[in-house]
Amino acid sequence: MLPNFIIIGAMKCGTSSLYHYLQLHPEVGMSEIKEVDYFVAENNYERGVSWYESQFQGEFKKYGEASPNYSKAHYFKGVPHRMHELLPDVKLIYLVRDPIERIISHYTHNYSEGREHRSIKEVLQNLQNNHYLMCSKYYWQLDQYLSCYPADQILVMPSYILKDERRRALERIFGFIGVDKAFYSPSYGEQKHETSQKRRKGRLSRFMLESPVIKTLKQYIPDSIKDPVKQLTRPPVTKPTLPAALRNELAEYLRPDIDQLRTFSGYSFERWDI
C-alpha cells in the first residue's frame, strides 16, 4: 500500500500532533513509524518501494505519513522529484508557524540533543544559506514541490489554527485528504507535543540512550524510571531569547518569502511578528 497524503513539514510546527490526530480517524491508516523519510536519498530511499509499502498496514480508506525532512530541500536534494515519480497524485500537507519562533524551537531542539554547541547568536551570525533560516523559508520550500505538483494538491495550515481551532483545522484537513470530515474524537482535545522543559544530552546520556541494548530495552522501561534517569544525566535547557535587533533583522530577511506564502495560501498569518 502507498500513501494518499504526506505531511511534508515543517519541522517544529506540530507534525507530531497532526500525525496523532490522523491516527485516531477510523478511515485513516498512518505509517507504522512517523518519520519514514523514504524519499530522502541519504536515509531510506535505497530500501526500495516494497519497504515503503510495508510501512502502511491495515484496511483503511486513505494512508499517510509525516516526514519533516521532506521540507529541507536546501539540505536533502531531490525529494519532490522522487516523490512525484512514485506518487504523482499524492496530497501534500504543510504545517507552518511563526518562522522566527520555529527557528528558536529548532535551535533549542538541536542544542538539547547535543547536535548544536554554538549560541543562537553565533548560529544566526550569517543569514545567507543558513540551515535554520532555510527551514523557515516556507514558500521557497513549497516552490520545490510546485515544480512537480499542482497547487490544488497542496494544503498549507498554520499551526496556531490546528492548536486553537482544532475542529475547524481538522475538518479542512479531513476534507482535503478525502475522509469523513465530520469525525471528531474526544482525544482531539489533547495537545500532543514534547515537554517544554528540554534537557541537554551529554556523553553519558548519549551512551545510555543511544546504545543498541538500551534502545531495545527502553520500550519496556516505564516512564517512572526513565524520567528520573533523564533528569540525572541531562541538564535542563532554557529556550534562548533573541535580542530585538536580531529578531528585526530576521523578520526583514524572511518577509519576502512569507509574503509569497500569504499569496499562495490565502492566510494573512496575523499572529506572526513578520
Protein backbone atom coordinates (compact mmCIF):
# COMPACT_ATOMS: atom_id res chain seq x y z
CA MET A 1 0.00 0.00 0.00
CA LEU A 2 1.23 3.51 -0.84
CA PRO A 3 0.18 6.78 0.86
CA ASN A 4 -2.53 9.07 -0.47
CA PHE A 5 -1.24 12.04 1.52
CA ILE A 6 2.01 13.17 3.13
CA ILE A 7 2.71 15.76 5.83
CA ILE A 8 5.93 17.29 4.48
CA GLY A 9 6.69 19.53 7.47
CA ALA A 10 7.70 21.88 8.65
CA MET A 11 9.96 20.77 11.48
CA LYS A 12 8.82 22.01 14.93
CA CYS A 13 5.42 23.07 13.55
CA GLY A 14 3.10 20.44 15.02
CA THR A 15 3.62 17.46 12.72
CA SER A 16 3.66 15.02 15.66
CA SER A 17 0.31 16.34 16.90
CA LEU A 18 -1.28 16.10 13.45
CA TYR A 19 0.12 12.58 12.95
CA HIS A 20 -1.55 11.57 16.25
CA TYR A 21 -4.88 13.18 15.34
CA LEU A 22 -4.92 11.44 11.96
CA GLN A 23 -4.14 8.10 13.62
CA LEU A 24 -7.41 8.40 15.53
CA HIS A 25 -9.54 8.79 12.41
CA PRO A 26 -11.19 5.42 11.58
CA GLU A 27 -10.72 5.92 7.83
CA VAL A 28 -7.02 6.81 8.03
CA GLY A 29 -4.02 4.49 8.25
CA MET A 30 -0.82 6.27 9.24
CA SER A 31 2.64 4.78 8.73
CA GLU A 32 3.95 2.45 11.43
CA ILE A 33 6.72 4.93 12.19
CA LYS A 34 6.04 8.65 11.96
CA GLU A 35 9.09 9.88 10.07
CA VAL A 36 9.52 7.34 7.29
CA ASP A 37 11.95 9.56 5.33
CA TYR A 38 11.66 7.27 2.31
CA PHE A 39 12.19 10.00 -0.28
CA VAL A 40 15.37 11.26 1.43
CA ALA A 41 18.16 9.61 -0.57
CA GLU A 42 20.55 9.74 2.37
CA ASN A 43 18.12 7.88 4.64
CA ASN A 44 15.72 5.20 3.38
CA TYR A 45 15.30 5.55 -0.38
CA GLU A 46 17.63 2.65 -1.15
CA ARG A 47 15.36 0.31 0.84
CA GLY A 48 13.01 0.31 -2.14
CA VAL A 49 9.31 0.61 -2.81
CA SER A 50 8.42 -2.71 -1.15
CA TRP A 51 9.89 -1.48 2.13
CA TYR A 52 7.96 1.79 1.80
CA GLU A 53 4.71 -0.06 1.13
CA SER A 54 5.29 -2.21 4.22
CA GLN A 55 5.04 0.91 6.41
CA PHE A 56 1.29 1.12 5.72
CA GLN A 57 -0.70 -1.68 7.31
CA GLY A 58 -4.39 -2.49 7.75
CA GLU A 59 -7.51 -1.74 5.75
CA PHE A 60 -8.26 1.99 5.51
CA LYS A 61 -9.72 4.43 3.03
CA LYS A 62 -6.62 6.65 3.00
CA TYR A 63 -3.00 6.22 4.08
CA GLY A 64 -0.45 8.84 5.10
CA GLU A 65 2.90 9.61 6.67
CA ALA A 66 4.68 12.62 8.19
CA SER A 67 8.35 13.37 7.47
CA PRO A 68 9.51 16.96 8.17
CA ASN A 69 12.78 16.24 6.37
CA TYR A 70 10.78 16.45 3.14
CA SER A 71 10.73 20.25 3.52
CA LYS A 72 14.50 20.70 3.83
CA ALA A 73 15.19 20.96 0.11
CA HIS A 74 18.35 23.00 0.65
CA TYR A 75 19.83 20.06 2.58
CA PHE A 76 18.12 16.92 1.24
CA LYS A 77 18.12 17.29 -2.53
CA GLY A 78 15.60 15.85 -4.99
CA VAL A 79 12.81 14.85 -2.61
CA PRO A 80 9.89 16.37 -4.60
CA HIS A 81 11.01 14.76 -7.86
CA ARG A 82 11.49 11.31 -6.32
CA MET A 83 8.11 11.66 -4.64
CA HIS A 84 6.38 12.70 -7.85
CA GLU A 85 7.84 9.78 -9.79
CA LEU A 86 6.15 7.33 -7.40
CA LEU A 87 3.18 9.37 -6.16
CA PRO A 88 2.01 11.91 -8.78
CA ASP A 89 -1.46 12.20 -7.22
CA VAL A 90 -0.48 12.39 -3.54
CA LYS A 91 -1.92 15.23 -1.42
CA LEU A 92 0.65 17.32 0.49
CA ILE A 93 0.03 18.97 3.87
CA TYR A 94 2.43 21.68 5.08
CA LEU A 95 2.16 22.92 8.67
CA VAL A 96 3.78 26.30 9.33
CA ARG A 97 4.28 28.51 12.39
CA ASP A 98 5.81 31.90 13.12
CA PRO A 99 9.11 31.42 11.24
CA ILE A 100 11.25 33.12 13.89
CA GLU A 101 9.70 31.09 16.71
CA ARG A 102 10.29 27.98 14.59
CA ILE A 103 13.99 28.87 14.32
CA ILE A 104 14.26 29.25 18.09
CA SER A 105 12.49 25.93 18.66
CA HIS A 106 14.66 24.20 16.05
CA TYR A 107 17.84 25.54 17.64
CA THR A 108 16.69 24.56 21.15
CA HIS A 109 15.90 21.05 19.92
CA ASN A 110 19.33 20.61 18.32
CA TYR A 111 21.09 22.07 21.36
CA SER A 112 19.23 19.76 23.76
CA GLU A 113 20.10 16.76 21.57
CA GLY A 114 23.79 17.67 21.73
CA ARG A 115 23.98 18.35 17.98
CA GLU A 116 24.45 22.11 18.38
CA HIS A 117 27.16 23.68 20.54
CA ARG A 118 27.07 27.32 19.42
CA SER A 119 24.97 30.07 20.95
CA ILE A 120 21.91 31.12 18.98
CA LYS A 121 23.55 34.46 18.17
CA GLU A 122 26.54 32.60 16.71
CA VAL A 123 24.20 30.33 14.75
CA LEU A 124 22.44 33.35 13.21
CA GLN A 125 25.54 35.44 12.58
CA ASN A 126 25.39 34.72 8.85
CA LEU A 127 21.86 34.65 7.40
CA GLN A 128 22.78 33.56 3.88
CA ASN A 129 22.34 29.82 3.24
CA ASN A 130 21.66 29.32 6.94
CA HIS A 131 20.11 25.92 7.67
CA TYR A 132 17.80 27.22 10.41
CA LEU A 133 16.54 30.08 8.24
CA MET A 134 16.13 27.93 5.15
CA CYS A 135 13.78 25.62 7.08
CA SER A 136 11.68 28.73 7.84
CA LYS A 137 11.62 29.95 4.23
CA TYR A 138 8.32 28.20 3.78
CA TYR A 139 7.44 29.40 0.31
CA TRP A 140 10.91 28.61 -1.01
CA GLN A 141 10.46 25.06 0.27
CA LEU A 142 6.97 24.82 -1.25
CA ASP A 143 8.22 26.13 -4.57
CA GLN A 144 10.32 23.00 -4.97
CA TYR A 145 7.07 20.99 -4.91
CA LEU A 146 5.23 23.39 -7.19
CA SER A 147 7.67 22.44 -9.94
CA CYS A 148 6.16 18.92 -9.76
CA TYR A 149 2.69 19.22 -8.23
CA PRO A 150 -0.31 21.48 -8.98
CA ALA A 151 -1.28 23.95 -6.27
CA ASP A 152 -4.58 22.18 -5.58
CA GLN A 153 -2.66 19.14 -4.26
CA ILE A 154 -1.01 21.23 -1.53
CA LEU A 155 -2.63 22.40 1.71
CA VAL A 156 -0.89 24.96 3.93
CA MET A 157 -2.11 25.01 7.53
CA PRO A 158 -0.96 27.49 10.23
CA SER A 159 -0.13 25.57 13.40
CA TYR A 160 -1.95 28.14 15.56
CA ILE A 161 -5.22 27.17 13.87
CA LEU A 162 -4.52 23.47 14.50
CA LYS A 163 -3.83 24.32 18.14
CA ASP A 164 -6.58 26.87 18.90
CA GLU A 165 -9.30 25.98 16.35
CA ARG A 166 -8.69 22.26 16.13
CA ARG A 167 -12.13 21.21 14.94
CA ARG A 168 -12.04 23.74 12.09
CA ALA A 169 -8.49 22.76 11.13
CA LEU A 170 -9.14 19.01 11.17
CA GLU A 171 -12.37 19.40 9.23
CA ARG A 172 -10.44 21.12 6.47
CA ILE A 173 -7.62 18.56 6.54
CA PHE A 174 -10.02 15.60 6.52
CA GLY A 175 -11.92 17.10 3.59
CA PHE A 176 -8.66 17.72 1.74
CA ILE A 177 -7.49 14.10 2.03
CA GLY A 178 -10.94 12.68 1.29
CA VAL A 179 -12.19 11.16 4.56
CA ASP A 180 -15.21 11.89 6.77
CA LYS A 181 -14.65 15.49 7.83
CA ALA A 182 -17.39 15.36 10.48
CA PHE A 183 -15.40 12.87 12.59
CA TYR A 184 -14.11 14.31 15.87
CA SER A 185 -12.56 12.23 18.65
CA PRO A 186 -12.75 13.28 22.33
CA SER A 187 -8.96 12.79 22.34
CA TYR A 188 -8.61 15.72 19.93
CA GLY A 189 -8.84 17.95 22.98
CA GLU A 190 -5.35 16.80 23.94
CA GLN A 191 -2.26 18.61 22.73
CA LYS A 192 0.40 16.10 21.69
CA HIS A 193 3.88 17.58 21.86
CA GLU A 194 7.17 17.20 23.64
CA THR A 195 7.61 18.71 27.08
CA SER A 196 8.65 22.36 27.11
CA GLN A 197 11.41 21.50 29.61
CA LYS A 198 14.25 20.43 27.34
CA ARG A 199 17.30 18.64 28.68
CA ARG A 200 20.70 18.57 27.00
CA LYS A 201 22.27 15.25 26.09
CA GLY A 202 25.85 14.84 27.27
CA ARG A 203 28.23 11.97 26.55
CA LEU A 204 26.80 9.82 29.34
CA SER A 205 23.18 10.27 28.32
CA ARG A 206 24.01 9.72 24.63
CA PHE A 207 25.75 6.46 25.54
CA MET A 208 22.85 5.34 27.73
CA LEU A 209 20.04 6.38 25.40
CA GLU A 210 21.59 5.58 22.02
CA SER A 211 23.25 2.22 22.65
CA PRO A 212 21.50 -0.67 20.83
CA VAL A 213 20.84 -2.51 24.09
CA ILE A 214 19.21 0.49 25.77
CA LYS A 215 17.19 1.29 22.64
CA THR A 216 15.77 -2.24 22.73
CA LEU A 217 15.05 -2.17 26.46
CA LYS A 218 13.70 1.39 26.52
CA GLN A 219 10.28 0.42 25.19
CA TYR A 220 9.80 -1.87 28.20
CA ILE A 221 11.00 0.62 30.84
CA PRO A 222 8.22 2.67 32.47
CA ASP A 223 8.38 6.48 32.44
CA SER A 224 8.57 6.42 36.24
CA ILE A 225 12.09 5.03 35.83
CA LYS A 226 13.14 6.75 32.58
CA ASP A 227 12.23 10.28 33.69
CA PRO A 228 14.44 10.36 36.84
CA VAL A 229 17.35 8.89 34.85
CA LYS A 230 16.91 11.58 32.20
CA GLN A 231 16.90 14.29 34.87
CA LEU A 232 20.13 12.92 36.37
CA THR A 233 22.01 12.60 33.09
CA ARG A 234 20.69 15.60 31.14
CA PRO A 235 20.89 19.17 32.50
CA PRO A 236 17.88 21.43 31.76
CA VAL A 237 17.96 23.70 28.72
CA THR A 238 16.35 27.15 28.69
CA LYS A 239 14.89 28.44 25.44
CA PRO A 240 17.03 31.40 24.33
CA THR A 241 15.70 34.93 23.86
CA LEU A 242 16.63 36.81 20.71
CA PRO A 243 17.79 40.44 21.00
CA ALA A 244 15.26 42.81 19.42
CA ALA A 245 17.73 43.93 16.75
CA LEU A 246 18.42 40.35 15.66
CA ARG A 247 14.72 39.50 15.64
CA ASN A 248 14.04 42.53 13.41
CA GLU A 249 16.86 41.51 11.08
CA LEU A 250 15.40 38.02 10.76
CA ALA A 251 11.94 39.44 10.09
CA GLU A 252 13.25 41.68 7.30
CA TYR A 253 15.16 38.78 5.76
CA LEU A 254 12.19 36.38 5.83
CA ARG A 255 9.40 38.84 4.95
CA PRO A 256 9.57 38.49 1.12
CA ASP A 257 9.25 34.72 1.42
CA ILE A 258 6.37 34.93 3.91
CA ASP A 259 4.56 37.44 1.69
CA GLN A 260 4.70 34.88 -1.13
CA LEU A 261 3.32 32.27 1.26
CA ARG A 262 0.47 34.63 2.17
CA THR A 263 -0.42 34.99 -1.51
CA PHE A 264 -0.26 31.25 -2.14
CA SER A 265 -2.14 30.08 0.95
CA GLY A 266 -4.70 32.86 1.41
CA TYR A 267 -3.74 33.19 5.08
CA SER A 268 -2.67 36.54 6.50
CA PHE A 269 -0.71 34.93 9.36
CA GLU A 270 -1.81 37.84 11.51
CA ARG A 271 -0.34 36.28 14.66
CA TRP A 272 3.17 36.27 13.28
CA ASP A 273 5.56 39.13 14.04
CA ILE A 274 6.63 39.42 10.44
